[in-house]
Amino acid sequence: MSNPDKEYQQFNLTRRVFLTLSTAAGLLGLIPGVSYANIIREVKGKVWVNNITATSTTLIKPGDTVKTGENGRIIFVIGEDVYRLGSRSTLRLRGDEESSLVSTMRLLNGTLMSVFGKGNRVIQPPTAAIGIRGTGIFIQVNPKGTYFCTCYGHTEITLRGNQRVQSVSSNHHQAYFITHNLDDPQISTDTLKEHQDQELFYLESLVGRKPPNYFK
């Protein structure tokens, strides 16, 4: 039987090309003089961090797994990045634990809307790796496939097991659907679903920003 985690570790190596667009020093110095926050802005229903019930004072950092129950929802800030995890969702965070900067996210199931500050990130649904730069995104993982929307900014979608890369530059929502066929995942365009502009404006406001002026 194959080991999905081991396969993903091997798959992750291909994403280092994206992450090494900036040096490690550059990543840690994106916003000199700014103290990176680690704050839960909202927690509703059943939410766990590393299998421990989360409260408003729980710290979330790289290396943690955040999970929500049927009616659970959480909004949290790490650095200049904001995450809104919907119900029945599981998110694993990876990165530099000392600086609290997240570089890689793995969404196992459920929904995630995020807005990101400067720098490179990678988010991993089951059959792709998606490079992110200063972007607003929405992603939903269900048994049939992954719905992914570049709400604004730039992303780069690489399908698992092949060299196909889909580069996306979006001014106002550009969505795709990625199948969960492990041997030959497929990607196709999709329409705006399950999220709205005002949600992105709200998340950006939590770190004192607004979406880009071109996002209308």
N, C-alpha and C. Protein backbone atom coordinates (compact mmCIF):
# COMPACT_ATOMS: atom_id res chain seq x y z
N MET A 1 0.85 -1.20 0.00
CA MET A 1 0.00 0.00 0.00
C MET A 1 0.88 1.24 0.00
N SER A 2 0.51 2.22 -0.82
CA SER A 2 1.31 3.43 -0.92
C SER A 2 1.13 4.29 0.32
N ASN A 3 2.12 5.12 0.61
CA ASN A 3 2.10 6.02 1.75
C ASN A 3 1.87 7.44 1.24
N PRO A 4 0.64 8.00 1.41
CA PRO A 4 0.34 9.32 0.87
C PRO A 4 1.26 10.40 1.39
N ASP A 5 1.61 10.35 2.69
CA ASP A 5 2.49 11.38 3.23
C ASP A 5 3.87 11.33 2.60
N LYS A 6 4.38 10.11 2.38
CA LYS A 6 5.69 9.98 1.76
C LYS A 6 5.65 10.46 0.32
N GLU A 7 4.55 10.13 -0.38
CA GLU A 7 4.41 10.59 -1.76
C GLU A 7 4.35 12.11 -1.81
N TYR A 8 3.68 12.72 -0.83
CA TYR A 8 3.59 14.16 -0.83
C TYR A 8 4.94 14.80 -0.51
N GLN A 9 5.74 14.15 0.34
CA GLN A 9 7.08 14.68 0.61
C GLN A 9 7.90 14.70 -0.66
N GLN A 10 7.79 13.65 -1.46
CA GLN A 10 8.51 13.62 -2.73
C GLN A 10 7.96 14.66 -3.68
N PHE A 11 6.65 14.81 -3.69
CA PHE A 11 6.00 15.79 -4.56
C PHE A 11 6.42 17.21 -4.17
N ASN A 12 6.59 17.44 -2.86
CA ASN A 12 6.94 18.77 -2.38
C ASN A 12 8.27 19.25 -2.93
N LEU A 13 9.18 18.32 -3.24
CA LEU A 13 10.48 18.71 -3.75
C LEU A 13 10.35 19.51 -5.04
N THR A 14 9.35 19.18 -5.84
CA THR A 14 9.17 19.90 -7.10
C THR A 14 8.73 21.33 -6.87
N ARG A 15 8.17 21.64 -5.70
CA ARG A 15 7.70 22.98 -5.42
C ARG A 15 8.79 23.90 -4.90
N ARG A 16 9.96 23.34 -4.62
CA ARG A 16 11.03 24.18 -4.10
C ARG A 16 11.51 25.19 -5.12
N VAL A 17 11.29 24.86 -6.38
CA VAL A 17 11.64 25.82 -7.42
C VAL A 17 10.87 27.11 -7.22
N PHE A 18 9.60 26.98 -6.87
CA PHE A 18 8.78 28.17 -6.62
C PHE A 18 9.22 28.89 -5.36
N LEU A 19 9.43 28.15 -4.29
CA LEU A 19 9.77 28.78 -3.02
C LEU A 19 11.13 29.45 -3.05
N THR A 20 12.08 28.92 -3.83
CA THR A 20 13.41 29.48 -3.84
C THR A 20 13.54 30.66 -4.79
N LEU A 21 12.43 31.19 -5.28
CA LEU A 21 12.48 32.44 -6.01
C LEU A 21 13.01 33.56 -5.10
N SER A 22 12.81 33.39 -3.80
CA SER A 22 13.39 34.30 -2.82
C SER A 22 14.31 33.50 -1.91
N THR A 23 15.39 34.09 -1.46
CA THR A 23 16.27 33.41 -0.52
C THR A 23 15.61 33.35 0.84
N ALA A 24 16.14 32.48 1.69
CA ALA A 24 15.58 32.39 3.04
C ALA A 24 15.68 33.73 3.75
N ALA A 25 16.78 34.42 3.58
CA ALA A 25 16.94 35.73 4.21
C ALA A 25 15.90 36.71 3.69
N GLY A 26 15.63 36.63 2.41
CA GLY A 26 14.64 37.52 1.83
C GLY A 26 13.26 37.26 2.38
N LEU A 27 12.92 35.99 2.57
CA LEU A 27 11.60 35.65 3.10
C LEU A 27 11.43 36.19 4.51
N LEU A 28 12.48 36.08 5.31
CA LEU A 28 12.39 36.52 6.70
C LEU A 28 12.46 38.03 6.85
N GLY A 29 12.81 38.72 5.76
CA GLY A 29 12.92 40.16 5.84
C GLY A 29 11.95 40.88 4.95
N LEU A 30 10.81 40.26 4.69
CA LEU A 30 9.84 40.86 3.77
C LEU A 30 9.35 42.21 4.25
N ILE A 31 9.11 42.35 5.55
CA ILE A 31 8.58 43.59 6.08
C ILE A 31 9.42 43.97 7.30
N PRO A 32 10.57 44.61 7.07
CA PRO A 32 11.48 44.92 8.18
C PRO A 32 10.80 45.78 9.24
N GLY A 33 11.05 45.43 10.50
CA GLY A 33 10.55 46.23 11.60
C GLY A 33 9.14 45.91 12.05
N VAL A 34 8.45 45.04 11.32
CA VAL A 34 7.08 44.69 11.69
C VAL A 34 7.10 43.47 12.59
N SER A 35 6.35 43.52 13.68
CA SER A 35 6.22 42.38 14.58
C SER A 35 5.09 41.49 14.06
N TYR A 36 5.42 40.25 13.73
CA TYR A 36 4.41 39.36 13.16
C TYR A 36 3.43 38.89 14.22
N ALA A 37 2.14 39.05 13.90
CA ALA A 37 1.08 38.72 14.84
C ALA A 37 0.73 37.24 14.77
N ASN A 38 0.17 36.74 15.85
CA ASN A 38 -0.35 35.39 15.89
C ASN A 38 -1.63 35.46 16.71
N ILE A 39 -2.75 35.69 16.04
CA ILE A 39 -3.99 36.04 16.73
C ILE A 39 -5.16 35.28 16.14
N ILE A 40 -6.01 34.72 17.00
CA ILE A 40 -7.29 34.19 16.56
C ILE A 40 -8.31 35.33 16.62
N ARG A 41 -8.90 35.64 15.49
CA ARG A 41 -9.88 36.73 15.42
C ARG A 41 -11.30 36.23 15.68
N GLU A 42 -11.56 34.99 15.35
CA GLU A 42 -12.91 34.45 15.54
C GLU A 42 -12.83 32.94 15.65
N VAL A 43 -13.55 32.37 16.59
CA VAL A 43 -13.65 30.92 16.69
C VAL A 43 -15.08 30.59 17.09
N LYS A 44 -15.74 29.76 16.29
CA LYS A 44 -17.12 29.39 16.52
C LYS A 44 -17.27 27.87 16.39
N GLY A 45 -18.13 27.31 17.22
CA GLY A 45 -18.37 25.87 17.14
C GLY A 45 -17.15 25.08 17.59
N LYS A 46 -17.07 23.86 17.10
CA LYS A 46 -15.98 22.96 17.49
C LYS A 46 -14.76 23.19 16.60
N VAL A 47 -13.65 23.57 17.23
CA VAL A 47 -12.39 23.80 16.53
C VAL A 47 -11.28 23.21 17.38
N TRP A 48 -10.35 22.51 16.73
CA TRP A 48 -9.22 21.92 17.44
C TRP A 48 -7.91 22.34 16.79
N VAL A 49 -6.90 22.53 17.61
CA VAL A 49 -5.53 22.74 17.15
C VAL A 49 -4.69 21.61 17.75
N ASN A 50 -4.17 20.78 16.89
CA ASN A 50 -3.41 19.59 17.33
C ASN A 50 -4.25 18.73 18.28
N ASN A 51 -5.52 18.57 17.92
CA ASN A 51 -6.47 17.73 18.66
C ASN A 51 -6.83 18.26 20.04
N ILE A 52 -6.49 19.52 20.31
CA ILE A 52 -6.88 20.17 21.56
C ILE A 52 -7.87 21.28 21.23
N THR A 53 -8.96 21.33 21.99
CA THR A 53 -9.99 22.34 21.72
C THR A 53 -9.40 23.74 21.72
N ALA A 54 -9.68 24.50 20.67
CA ALA A 54 -9.14 25.85 20.52
C ALA A 54 -10.02 26.86 21.24
N THR A 55 -9.37 27.88 21.78
CA THR A 55 -10.06 29.03 22.37
C THR A 55 -9.50 30.29 21.73
N SER A 56 -10.03 31.43 22.11
CA SER A 56 -9.57 32.70 21.53
C SER A 56 -8.12 33.01 21.85
N THR A 57 -7.55 32.34 22.85
CA THR A 57 -6.16 32.60 23.24
C THR A 57 -5.18 31.55 22.72
N THR A 58 -5.69 30.56 21.99
CA THR A 58 -4.81 29.52 21.44
C THR A 58 -3.87 30.12 20.39
N LEU A 59 -2.60 29.75 20.45
CA LEU A 59 -1.63 30.19 19.45
C LEU A 59 -1.57 29.16 18.33
N ILE A 60 -1.57 29.63 17.10
CA ILE A 60 -1.44 28.76 15.93
C ILE A 60 -0.17 29.13 15.20
N LYS A 61 0.63 28.12 14.88
CA LYS A 61 1.95 28.37 14.32
C LYS A 61 2.30 27.27 13.33
N PRO A 62 3.39 27.46 12.56
CA PRO A 62 3.83 26.39 11.67
C PRO A 62 4.07 25.09 12.44
N GLY A 63 3.66 23.99 11.84
CA GLY A 63 3.74 22.69 12.49
C GLY A 63 2.42 22.24 13.07
N ASP A 64 1.45 23.16 13.17
CA ASP A 64 0.16 22.84 13.76
C ASP A 64 -0.83 22.32 12.71
N THR A 65 -1.80 21.55 13.19
CA THR A 65 -2.94 21.11 12.38
C THR A 65 -4.21 21.70 12.99
N VAL A 66 -4.98 22.40 12.17
CA VAL A 66 -6.21 23.04 12.61
C VAL A 66 -7.38 22.28 11.98
N LYS A 67 -8.35 21.93 12.82
CA LYS A 67 -9.48 21.14 12.34
C LYS A 67 -10.77 21.73 12.88
N THR A 68 -11.81 21.73 12.07
CA THR A 68 -13.11 22.23 12.50
C THR A 68 -14.16 21.13 12.41
N GLY A 69 -15.18 21.24 13.27
CA GLY A 69 -16.29 20.30 13.27
C GLY A 69 -17.40 20.75 12.34
N GLU A 70 -18.55 20.10 12.48
CA GLU A 70 -19.66 20.33 11.56
C GLU A 70 -20.10 21.79 11.52
N ASN A 71 -20.13 22.43 12.68
CA ASN A 71 -20.54 23.83 12.74
C ASN A 71 -19.38 24.75 13.14
N GLY A 72 -18.17 24.26 12.96
CA GLY A 72 -17.01 25.02 13.38
C GLY A 72 -16.52 25.99 12.32
N ARG A 73 -15.90 27.08 12.77
CA ARG A 73 -15.26 28.03 11.89
C ARG A 73 -14.22 28.81 12.67
N ILE A 74 -13.12 29.14 12.02
CA ILE A 74 -12.08 29.91 12.69
C ILE A 74 -11.45 30.87 11.71
N ILE A 75 -11.15 32.07 12.21
CA ILE A 75 -10.38 33.06 11.45
C ILE A 75 -9.16 33.39 12.30
N PHE A 76 -7.97 33.24 11.72
CA PHE A 76 -6.76 33.54 12.48
C PHE A 76 -5.73 34.22 11.59
N VAL A 77 -4.81 34.91 12.25
CA VAL A 77 -3.76 35.68 11.58
C VAL A 77 -2.41 35.11 11.97
N ILE A 78 -1.55 34.88 11.00
CA ILE A 78 -0.16 34.54 11.25
C ILE A 78 0.68 35.48 10.39
N GLY A 79 1.46 36.32 11.02
CA GLY A 79 2.22 37.32 10.27
C GLY A 79 1.29 38.28 9.58
N GLU A 80 1.43 38.42 8.27
CA GLU A 80 0.54 39.28 7.48
C GLU A 80 -0.46 38.46 6.69
N ASP A 81 -0.61 37.19 7.04
CA ASP A 81 -1.53 36.30 6.35
C ASP A 81 -2.75 36.04 7.23
N VAL A 82 -3.92 35.99 6.59
CA VAL A 82 -5.17 35.75 7.30
C VAL A 82 -5.82 34.50 6.73
N TYR A 83 -6.30 33.63 7.61
CA TYR A 83 -6.89 32.35 7.23
C TYR A 83 -8.31 32.27 7.78
N ARG A 84 -9.25 31.88 6.93
CA ARG A 84 -10.61 31.59 7.39
C ARG A 84 -10.93 30.16 6.99
N LEU A 85 -10.96 29.29 7.99
CA LEU A 85 -11.21 27.86 7.77
C LEU A 85 -12.67 27.57 8.04
N GLY A 86 -13.36 26.98 7.06
CA GLY A 86 -14.77 26.69 7.20
C GLY A 86 -15.04 25.40 7.96
N SER A 87 -16.28 24.99 8.01
CA SER A 87 -16.67 23.80 8.76
C SER A 87 -16.15 22.52 8.10
N ARG A 88 -15.97 21.49 8.92
CA ARG A 88 -15.51 20.18 8.47
C ARG A 88 -14.25 20.29 7.61
N SER A 89 -13.28 21.01 8.13
CA SER A 89 -12.05 21.28 7.38
C SER A 89 -10.83 20.89 8.20
N THR A 90 -9.76 20.50 7.49
CA THR A 90 -8.50 20.16 8.14
C THR A 90 -7.36 20.82 7.38
N LEU A 91 -6.56 21.62 8.09
CA LEU A 91 -5.47 22.37 7.49
C LEU A 91 -4.18 22.11 8.27
N ARG A 92 -3.14 21.69 7.56
CA ARG A 92 -1.82 21.51 8.17
C ARG A 92 -0.91 22.64 7.73
N LEU A 93 -0.19 23.22 8.69
CA LEU A 93 0.68 24.35 8.42
C LEU A 93 2.14 23.94 8.57
N ARG A 94 2.96 24.38 7.65
CA ARG A 94 4.39 24.10 7.71
C ARG A 94 5.15 25.39 7.45
N GLY A 95 6.36 25.49 8.05
CA GLY A 95 7.15 26.68 7.83
C GLY A 95 8.21 26.82 8.89
N ASP A 96 8.62 28.06 9.14
CA ASP A 96 9.67 28.38 10.10
C ASP A 96 9.03 28.62 11.46
N GLU A 97 9.16 27.67 12.36
CA GLU A 97 8.52 27.78 13.66
C GLU A 97 9.12 28.90 14.51
N GLU A 98 10.41 29.19 14.32
CA GLU A 98 11.05 30.23 15.11
C GLU A 98 10.49 31.60 14.78
N SER A 99 10.28 31.88 13.47
CA SER A 99 9.77 33.18 13.05
C SER A 99 8.25 33.19 12.93
N SER A 100 7.63 32.02 13.00
CA SER A 100 6.17 31.84 12.85
C SER A 100 5.68 32.11 11.45
N LEU A 101 6.57 32.11 10.46
CA LEU A 101 6.15 32.31 9.08
C LEU A 101 5.75 30.98 8.45
N VAL A 102 4.57 30.95 7.85
CA VAL A 102 4.09 29.75 7.16
C VAL A 102 4.52 29.81 5.71
N SER A 103 5.09 28.72 5.22
CA SER A 103 5.48 28.65 3.81
C SER A 103 4.62 27.67 3.03
N THR A 104 4.11 26.63 3.71
CA THR A 104 3.35 25.58 3.03
C THR A 104 2.11 25.23 3.83
N MET A 105 1.00 25.06 3.13
CA MET A 105 -0.26 24.65 3.74
C MET A 105 -0.77 23.43 3.00
N ARG A 106 -1.31 22.48 3.73
CA ARG A 106 -1.93 21.32 3.11
C ARG A 106 -3.38 21.24 3.57
N LEU A 107 -4.30 21.46 2.65
CA LEU A 107 -5.73 21.37 2.96
C LEU A 107 -6.20 19.97 2.62
N LEU A 108 -6.55 19.20 3.65
CA LEU A 108 -6.97 17.81 3.46
C LEU A 108 -8.43 17.71 3.06
N ASN A 109 -9.26 18.60 3.60
CA ASN A 109 -10.69 18.59 3.29
C ASN A 109 -11.27 19.92 3.75
N GLY A 110 -12.43 20.26 3.18
CA GLY A 110 -13.13 21.46 3.61
C GLY A 110 -12.77 22.68 2.80
N THR A 111 -12.95 23.86 3.41
CA THR A 111 -12.78 25.12 2.69
C THR A 111 -11.82 26.05 3.43
N LEU A 112 -11.11 26.84 2.64
CA LEU A 112 -10.19 27.83 3.17
C LEU A 112 -10.22 29.06 2.29
N MET A 113 -10.42 30.21 2.90
CA MET A 113 -10.20 31.49 2.23
C MET A 113 -9.04 32.17 2.94
N SER A 114 -8.09 32.69 2.16
CA SER A 114 -6.93 33.34 2.75
C SER A 114 -6.52 34.54 1.93
N VAL A 115 -5.93 35.51 2.63
CA VAL A 115 -5.27 36.63 1.97
C VAL A 115 -3.85 36.68 2.52
N PHE A 116 -2.90 36.93 1.62
CA PHE A 116 -1.49 36.80 1.97
C PHE A 116 -0.73 38.10 1.74
N GLY A 117 0.25 38.34 2.59
CA GLY A 117 1.17 39.44 2.38
C GLY A 117 2.21 39.08 1.34
N LYS A 118 3.28 39.86 1.30
CA LYS A 118 4.32 39.61 0.31
C LYS A 118 5.05 38.31 0.59
N GLY A 119 5.61 37.73 -0.45
CA GLY A 119 6.37 36.49 -0.29
C GLY A 119 5.70 35.31 -0.93
N ASN A 120 6.41 34.21 -0.98
CA ASN A 120 5.95 32.99 -1.64
C ASN A 120 5.37 32.00 -0.64
N ARG A 121 4.24 31.42 -0.99
CA ARG A 121 3.62 30.35 -0.20
C ARG A 121 3.24 29.22 -1.16
N VAL A 122 2.99 28.06 -0.63
CA VAL A 122 2.46 26.94 -1.41
C VAL A 122 1.31 26.32 -0.64
N ILE A 123 0.21 26.08 -1.33
CA ILE A 123 -0.91 25.35 -0.73
C ILE A 123 -1.11 24.07 -1.51
N GLN A 124 -1.38 22.97 -0.78
CA GLN A 124 -1.44 21.64 -1.39
C GLN A 124 -2.80 21.00 -1.16
N PRO A 125 -3.65 20.99 -2.16
CA PRO A 125 -4.80 20.08 -2.13
C PRO A 125 -4.30 18.69 -2.51
N PRO A 126 -5.16 17.67 -2.56
CA PRO A 126 -4.67 16.30 -2.75
C PRO A 126 -3.89 16.04 -4.03
N THR A 127 -4.20 16.71 -5.14
CA THR A 127 -3.56 16.33 -6.42
C THR A 127 -2.88 17.50 -7.12
N ALA A 128 -2.48 18.51 -6.35
CA ALA A 128 -1.79 19.64 -6.97
C ALA A 128 -0.95 20.36 -5.92
N ALA A 129 -0.09 21.22 -6.40
CA ALA A 129 0.63 22.16 -5.54
C ALA A 129 0.45 23.54 -6.17
N ILE A 130 0.04 24.50 -5.37
CA ILE A 130 -0.31 25.81 -5.90
C ILE A 130 0.60 26.86 -5.26
N GLY A 131 1.44 27.46 -6.07
CA GLY A 131 2.30 28.54 -5.61
C GLY A 131 1.52 29.84 -5.53
N ILE A 132 1.76 30.61 -4.47
CA ILE A 132 0.99 31.82 -4.19
C ILE A 132 1.96 32.97 -3.94
N ARG A 133 1.64 34.13 -4.51
CA ARG A 133 2.41 35.33 -4.24
C ARG A 133 1.46 36.50 -3.99
N GLY A 134 1.42 37.01 -2.76
CA GLY A 134 0.65 38.19 -2.42
C GLY A 134 -0.78 38.16 -2.93
N THR A 135 -1.50 37.13 -2.58
CA THR A 135 -2.72 36.78 -3.30
C THR A 135 -3.89 36.59 -2.35
N GLY A 136 -5.12 36.76 -2.88
CA GLY A 136 -6.32 36.33 -2.18
C GLY A 136 -6.85 35.07 -2.86
N ILE A 137 -7.13 34.05 -2.07
CA ILE A 137 -7.56 32.77 -2.66
C ILE A 137 -8.72 32.17 -1.89
N PHE A 138 -9.45 31.30 -2.58
CA PHE A 138 -10.47 30.45 -1.96
C PHE A 138 -10.29 29.05 -2.50
N ILE A 139 -10.34 28.06 -1.60
CA ILE A 139 -10.15 26.68 -2.02
C ILE A 139 -11.13 25.78 -1.26
N GLN A 140 -11.69 24.82 -1.97
CA GLN A 140 -12.61 23.85 -1.37
C GLN A 140 -12.22 22.46 -1.84
N VAL A 141 -11.97 21.58 -0.89
CA VAL A 141 -11.59 20.19 -1.19
C VAL A 141 -12.71 19.27 -0.76
N ASN A 142 -13.24 18.50 -1.70
CA ASN A 142 -14.25 17.50 -1.40
C ASN A 142 -13.83 16.17 -2.03
N PRO A 143 -14.57 15.09 -1.81
CA PRO A 143 -14.12 13.79 -2.33
C PRO A 143 -13.92 13.74 -3.84
N LYS A 144 -14.64 14.54 -4.60
CA LYS A 144 -14.56 14.47 -6.06
C LYS A 144 -13.42 15.29 -6.64
N GLY A 145 -13.05 16.37 -5.96
CA GLY A 145 -12.02 17.21 -6.53
C GLY A 145 -11.81 18.47 -5.72
N THR A 146 -10.97 19.34 -6.26
CA THR A 146 -10.61 20.59 -5.61
C THR A 146 -11.08 21.77 -6.46
N TYR A 147 -11.84 22.65 -5.83
CA TYR A 147 -12.20 23.92 -6.46
C TYR A 147 -11.23 24.96 -5.94
N PHE A 148 -10.59 25.70 -6.86
CA PHE A 148 -9.60 26.69 -6.45
C PHE A 148 -9.82 27.98 -7.22
N CYS A 149 -9.90 29.09 -6.49
CA CYS A 149 -10.10 30.39 -7.12
C CYS A 149 -8.96 31.33 -6.74
N THR A 150 -8.31 31.88 -7.75
CA THR A 150 -7.38 32.98 -7.54
C THR A 150 -8.23 34.24 -7.57
N CYS A 151 -8.57 34.74 -6.40
CA CYS A 151 -9.49 35.89 -6.34
C CYS A 151 -8.82 37.14 -6.87
N TYR A 152 -7.55 37.32 -6.54
CA TYR A 152 -6.73 38.37 -7.14
C TYR A 152 -5.26 38.01 -6.91
N GLY A 153 -4.41 38.53 -7.77
CA GLY A 153 -2.99 38.25 -7.64
C GLY A 153 -2.53 37.14 -8.56
N HIS A 154 -1.42 36.50 -8.19
CA HIS A 154 -0.79 35.51 -9.07
C HIS A 154 -0.65 34.17 -8.36
N THR A 155 -1.00 33.10 -9.06
CA THR A 155 -0.77 31.75 -8.58
C THR A 155 -0.20 30.90 -9.70
N GLU A 156 0.37 29.77 -9.30
CA GLU A 156 0.92 28.83 -10.27
C GLU A 156 0.52 27.42 -9.84
N ILE A 157 -0.30 26.77 -10.65
CA ILE A 157 -0.86 25.47 -10.30
C ILE A 157 -0.07 24.37 -11.02
N THR A 158 0.50 23.46 -10.27
CA THR A 158 1.21 22.31 -10.83
C THR A 158 0.46 21.04 -10.44
N LEU A 159 0.03 20.28 -11.43
CA LEU A 159 -0.70 19.05 -11.15
C LEU A 159 0.26 17.96 -10.70
N ARG A 160 -0.21 17.14 -9.80
CA ARG A 160 0.61 16.06 -9.25
C ARG A 160 0.93 15.02 -10.32
N GLY A 161 2.19 14.61 -10.37
CA GLY A 161 2.58 13.50 -11.23
C GLY A 161 2.89 13.88 -12.66
N ASN A 162 2.80 15.17 -13.00
CA ASN A 162 3.19 15.57 -14.35
C ASN A 162 3.77 16.97 -14.32
N GLN A 163 4.18 17.44 -15.47
CA GLN A 163 4.86 18.72 -15.54
C GLN A 163 3.93 19.86 -15.97
N ARG A 164 2.64 19.61 -16.02
CA ARG A 164 1.73 20.65 -16.46
C ARG A 164 1.63 21.75 -15.42
N VAL A 165 1.86 22.98 -15.86
CA VAL A 165 1.78 24.13 -14.97
C VAL A 165 0.77 25.11 -15.54
N GLN A 166 -0.15 25.56 -14.70
CA GLN A 166 -1.13 26.57 -15.09
C GLN A 166 -0.81 27.85 -14.33
N SER A 167 -0.32 28.86 -15.05
CA SER A 167 0.01 30.14 -14.44
C SER A 167 -1.22 31.04 -14.53
N VAL A 168 -1.60 31.64 -13.39
CA VAL A 168 -2.83 32.41 -13.32
C VAL A 168 -2.53 33.81 -12.77
N SER A 169 -2.94 34.82 -13.50
CA SER A 169 -2.92 36.20 -13.01
C SER A 169 -4.36 36.72 -13.06
N SER A 170 -4.89 37.07 -11.89
CA SER A 170 -6.31 37.38 -11.80
C SER A 170 -6.54 38.77 -11.23
N ASN A 171 -7.43 39.52 -11.87
CA ASN A 171 -7.89 40.79 -11.34
C ASN A 171 -9.17 40.64 -10.51
N HIS A 172 -9.98 39.61 -10.85
CA HIS A 172 -11.25 39.44 -10.15
C HIS A 172 -11.78 38.02 -10.37
N HIS A 173 -11.30 37.08 -9.58
CA HIS A 173 -11.79 35.71 -9.52
C HIS A 173 -11.55 34.93 -10.83
N GLN A 174 -10.60 34.06 -10.77
CA GLN A 174 -10.37 33.11 -11.86
C GLN A 174 -10.30 31.72 -11.23
N ALA A 175 -11.30 30.89 -11.52
CA ALA A 175 -11.48 29.63 -10.80
C ALA A 175 -11.20 28.42 -11.68
N TYR A 176 -10.77 27.34 -11.02
CA TYR A 176 -10.48 26.07 -11.70
C TYR A 176 -10.99 24.92 -10.84
N PHE A 177 -11.22 23.80 -11.49
CA PHE A 177 -11.56 22.56 -10.79
C PHE A 177 -10.49 21.52 -11.14
N ILE A 178 -9.94 20.87 -10.11
CA ILE A 178 -8.88 19.89 -10.27
C ILE A 178 -9.41 18.54 -9.79
N THR A 179 -9.38 17.53 -10.64
CA THR A 179 -9.88 16.22 -10.25
C THR A 179 -8.92 15.54 -9.29
N HIS A 180 -9.43 14.54 -8.56
CA HIS A 180 -8.62 13.82 -7.58
C HIS A 180 -8.16 12.46 -8.10
N ASN A 181 -8.00 12.33 -9.38
CA ASN A 181 -7.40 11.14 -9.96
C ASN A 181 -5.90 11.19 -9.72
N LEU A 182 -5.40 10.36 -8.81
CA LEU A 182 -3.99 10.45 -8.41
C LEU A 182 -3.04 10.16 -9.57
N ASP A 183 -3.45 9.30 -10.49
CA ASP A 183 -2.58 8.93 -11.61
C ASP A 183 -2.57 9.98 -12.72
N ASP A 184 -3.70 10.65 -12.91
CA ASP A 184 -3.78 11.60 -14.01
C ASP A 184 -4.80 12.70 -13.69
N PRO A 185 -4.47 13.59 -12.74
CA PRO A 185 -5.40 14.66 -12.40
C PRO A 185 -5.60 15.61 -13.58
N GLN A 186 -6.81 16.12 -13.70
CA GLN A 186 -7.14 17.04 -14.78
C GLN A 186 -7.59 18.38 -14.19
N ILE A 187 -7.39 19.43 -14.98
CA ILE A 187 -7.78 20.76 -14.55
C ILE A 187 -8.67 21.41 -15.61
N SER A 188 -9.71 22.10 -15.15
CA SER A 188 -10.61 22.79 -16.07
C SER A 188 -11.07 24.08 -15.43
N THR A 189 -11.50 25.04 -16.25
CA THR A 189 -11.98 26.31 -15.72
C THR A 189 -13.32 26.12 -15.02
N ASP A 190 -13.62 27.01 -14.09
CA ASP A 190 -14.87 26.94 -13.34
C ASP A 190 -15.38 28.35 -13.11
N THR A 191 -16.50 28.47 -12.41
CA THR A 191 -17.12 29.76 -12.16
C THR A 191 -17.01 30.13 -10.68
N LEU A 192 -17.35 31.36 -10.36
CA LEU A 192 -17.31 31.83 -8.98
C LEU A 192 -18.35 31.09 -8.15
N LYS A 193 -17.90 30.48 -7.03
CA LYS A 193 -18.78 29.71 -6.17
C LYS A 193 -18.38 29.89 -4.71
N GLU A 194 -19.36 29.89 -3.83
CA GLU A 194 -19.18 29.71 -2.39
C GLU A 194 -18.41 30.82 -1.67
N HIS A 195 -18.08 31.93 -2.35
CA HIS A 195 -17.40 33.03 -1.67
C HIS A 195 -17.72 34.34 -2.37
N GLN A 196 -17.54 35.45 -1.62
CA GLN A 196 -17.93 36.75 -2.12
C GLN A 196 -16.84 37.79 -1.85
N ASP A 197 -16.93 38.90 -2.60
CA ASP A 197 -15.92 39.94 -2.50
C ASP A 197 -15.81 40.51 -1.09
N GLN A 198 -16.94 40.74 -0.43
CA GLN A 198 -16.89 41.40 0.88
C GLN A 198 -16.15 40.57 1.92
N GLU A 199 -16.12 39.26 1.74
CA GLU A 199 -15.37 38.41 2.66
C GLU A 199 -13.87 38.69 2.54
N LEU A 200 -13.41 38.91 1.34
CA LEU A 200 -11.99 39.21 1.13
C LEU A 200 -11.64 40.59 1.70
N PHE A 201 -12.54 41.56 1.52
CA PHE A 201 -12.30 42.88 2.10
C PHE A 201 -12.20 42.79 3.62
N TYR A 202 -13.05 41.95 4.21
CA TYR A 202 -13.03 41.81 5.67
C TYR A 202 -11.71 41.17 6.13
N LEU A 203 -11.30 40.10 5.48
CA LEU A 203 -10.06 39.45 5.90
C LEU A 203 -8.86 40.39 5.74
N GLU A 204 -8.80 41.13 4.65
CA GLU A 204 -7.70 42.08 4.47
C GLU A 204 -7.70 43.15 5.56
N SER A 205 -8.89 43.56 5.99
CA SER A 205 -8.97 44.61 7.01
C SER A 205 -8.38 44.17 8.34
N LEU A 206 -8.32 42.87 8.59
CA LEU A 206 -7.78 42.36 9.86
C LEU A 206 -6.28 42.59 9.98
N VAL A 207 -5.62 42.85 8.86
CA VAL A 207 -4.19 43.18 8.89
C VAL A 207 -3.95 44.56 8.29
N GLY A 208 -4.98 45.41 8.32
CA GLY A 208 -4.83 46.79 7.91
C GLY A 208 -4.65 47.01 6.42
N ARG A 209 -5.18 46.09 5.60
CA ARG A 209 -5.02 46.22 4.15
C ARG A 209 -6.38 46.25 3.48
N LYS A 210 -6.34 46.50 2.19
CA LYS A 210 -7.49 46.34 1.30
C LYS A 210 -7.05 45.50 0.11
N PRO A 211 -7.97 44.83 -0.57
CA PRO A 211 -7.60 44.19 -1.83
C PRO A 211 -7.04 45.22 -2.80
N PRO A 212 -6.32 44.79 -3.81
CA PRO A 212 -5.75 45.73 -4.79
C PRO A 212 -6.82 46.60 -5.42
N ASN A 213 -6.41 47.78 -5.88
CA ASN A 213 -7.37 48.71 -6.49
C ASN A 213 -8.06 48.12 -7.73
N TYR A 214 -7.36 47.21 -8.42
CA TYR A 214 -7.96 46.63 -9.62
C TYR A 214 -9.04 45.60 -9.32
N PHE A 215 -9.16 45.20 -8.03
CA PHE A 215 -10.15 44.19 -7.65
C PHE A 215 -11.50 44.88 -7.47
N LYS A 216 -12.36 44.79 -8.50
CA LYS A 216 -13.66 45.47 -8.47
C LYS A 216 -14.72 44.58 -9.08
